Amino acid sequence: MGSFWSAFLVGGLICVIGQLLLDLTEMTPAHVLSTLVVGGAVLDGLGWYEPLIKFAGAGATVPITSFGNSLVHGALSEAKTSGFIGVLSGIFEITSAGISAAVLFGFLTALIFRPRG
């Protein structure tokens, strides 16, 4: 039962940070999204995101900060084995499923609903 609480608290805290950025600053939703992705990337670069995932599980892997974590995690792990070119291939290797799903579902949504210009 403890893992549900930790997931709820960490995921909720990430959402609260995003909401506070929207409410208390002049940031647009796109800026907040980018900030959270970069925040996840920085936390992974410092080695702090993996312990957060171990503690909170889905509370840390579901929010957008996890995308930044995945980008850096893939780049660093591939850079160790393949050098500089591994940085680029590692980014896409780990995140390709998420990126592909976003493109596919965005396309399908545009077919079903009328997008605004």
Protein backbone atom coordinates (compact mmCIF):
# COMPACT_ATOMS: atom_id res chain seq x y z
CA MET A 1 0.00 0.00 0.00
CA GLY A 2 2.93 2.33 0.61
CA SER A 3 3.85 2.33 -3.08
CA PHE A 4 0.42 3.70 -4.00
CA TRP A 5 0.86 6.58 -1.59
CA SER A 6 4.37 7.40 -2.77
CA ALA A 7 3.23 7.29 -6.41
CA PHE A 8 0.29 9.54 -5.60
CA LEU A 9 2.40 12.02 -3.64
CA VAL A 10 5.26 12.28 -6.16
CA GLY A 11 3.00 12.39 -9.21
CA GLY A 12 0.77 14.91 -7.46
CA LEU A 13 3.75 17.04 -6.50
CA ILE A 14 4.93 17.14 -10.12
CA CYS A 15 1.43 18.23 -11.17
CA VAL A 16 1.33 20.86 -8.42
CA ILE A 17 4.64 22.28 -9.62
CA GLY A 18 3.25 22.50 -13.16
CA GLN A 19 0.05 24.15 -11.96
CA LEU A 20 1.94 26.65 -9.81
CA LEU A 21 4.11 27.57 -12.79
CA LEU A 22 0.94 28.25 -14.79
CA ASP A 23 -0.80 30.20 -12.02
CA LEU A 24 2.07 32.23 -10.58
CA THR A 25 4.12 33.05 -13.66
CA GLU A 26 3.52 34.35 -17.16
CA MET A 27 4.55 30.97 -18.61
CA THR A 28 2.39 29.43 -21.32
CA PRO A 29 1.45 25.75 -21.15
CA ALA A 30 4.15 25.04 -23.76
CA HIS A 31 6.75 26.73 -21.54
CA VAL A 32 5.63 24.71 -18.53
CA LEU A 33 5.75 21.50 -20.56
CA SER A 34 9.27 22.28 -21.73
CA THR A 35 10.35 23.23 -18.21
CA LEU A 36 9.10 19.94 -16.79
CA VAL A 37 10.84 17.94 -19.53
CA VAL A 38 14.09 19.80 -18.92
CA GLY A 39 13.65 19.34 -15.18
CA GLY A 40 13.37 15.58 -15.64
CA ALA A 41 16.43 15.62 -17.87
CA VAL A 42 18.47 17.58 -15.33
CA LEU A 43 17.39 15.27 -12.51
CA ASP A 44 18.46 12.25 -14.54
CA GLY A 45 21.75 13.90 -15.45
CA LEU A 46 22.41 14.39 -11.74
CA GLY A 47 21.47 10.77 -11.06
CA TRP A 48 18.42 11.66 -8.95
CA TYR A 49 15.57 10.51 -11.20
CA GLU A 50 16.24 6.75 -11.00
CA PRO A 51 15.98 6.75 -7.17
CA LEU A 52 12.78 8.76 -7.54
CA ILE A 53 11.40 6.10 -9.90
CA LYS A 54 12.37 3.36 -7.42
CA PHE A 55 10.57 5.26 -4.66
CA ALA A 56 7.46 6.42 -6.52
CA GLY A 57 7.05 4.00 -9.45
CA ALA A 58 4.32 5.27 -11.77
CA GLY A 59 4.22 8.57 -9.87
CA ALA A 60 7.58 9.35 -11.44
CA THR A 61 7.32 7.48 -14.75
CA VAL A 62 3.92 8.72 -15.96
CA PRO A 63 4.32 12.54 -15.78
CA ILE A 64 6.09 14.47 -18.54
CA THR A 65 9.25 14.75 -16.46
CA SER A 66 9.84 11.09 -17.25
CA PHE A 67 10.23 11.97 -20.93
CA GLY A 68 13.19 14.20 -20.11
CA ASN A 69 14.57 11.42 -17.95
CA SER A 70 14.26 8.97 -20.84
CA LEU A 71 16.00 11.31 -23.26
CA VAL A 72 19.05 11.78 -21.05
CA HIS A 73 19.09 8.19 -19.82
CA GLY A 74 19.13 6.83 -23.37
CA ALA A 75 21.73 9.33 -24.54
CA LEU A 76 24.10 8.61 -21.66
CA SER A 77 23.79 4.83 -21.85
CA GLU A 78 24.40 4.73 -25.62
CA ALA A 79 27.21 7.29 -25.39
CA LYS A 80 29.11 4.86 -23.16
CA THR A 81 28.99 2.13 -25.79
CA SER A 82 28.88 4.01 -29.12
CA GLY A 83 30.49 7.36 -28.40
CA PHE A 84 29.12 10.64 -29.73
CA ILE A 85 26.83 9.04 -32.34
CA GLY A 86 25.31 7.00 -29.51
CA VAL A 87 23.98 10.21 -27.97
CA LEU A 88 21.61 10.70 -30.91
CA SER A 89 20.72 7.05 -31.40
CA GLY A 90 20.17 6.53 -27.66
CA ILE A 91 17.68 9.38 -27.46
CA PHE A 92 15.52 7.88 -30.18
CA GLU A 93 15.99 4.25 -29.17
CA ILE A 94 14.37 4.70 -25.77
CA THR A 95 11.75 7.31 -26.68
CA SER A 96 10.74 6.09 -30.14
CA ALA A 97 7.62 4.26 -28.95
CA GLY A 98 6.29 7.34 -27.18
CA ILE A 99 7.11 9.66 -30.04
CA SER A 100 5.55 7.26 -32.58
CA ALA A 101 2.40 6.94 -30.47
CA ALA A 102 2.08 10.73 -30.18
CA VAL A 103 2.42 11.18 -33.94
CA LEU A 104 0.00 8.34 -34.73
CA PHE A 105 -2.68 9.41 -32.24
CA GLY A 106 -2.30 13.05 -33.25
CA PHE A 107 -2.83 12.06 -36.89
CA LEU A 108 -5.84 9.88 -36.07
CA THR A 109 -7.36 12.63 -33.94
CA ALA A 110 -6.92 15.11 -36.80
CA LEU A 111 -8.75 12.68 -39.12
CA ILE A 112 -11.66 12.18 -36.74
CA PHE A 113 -12.05 15.75 -35.47
CA ARG A 114 -11.82 19.03 -37.31
CA PRO A 115 -8.54 20.72 -36.41
CA ARG A 116 -8.51 24.48 -36.05
CA GLY A 117 -6.18 26.36 -38.33
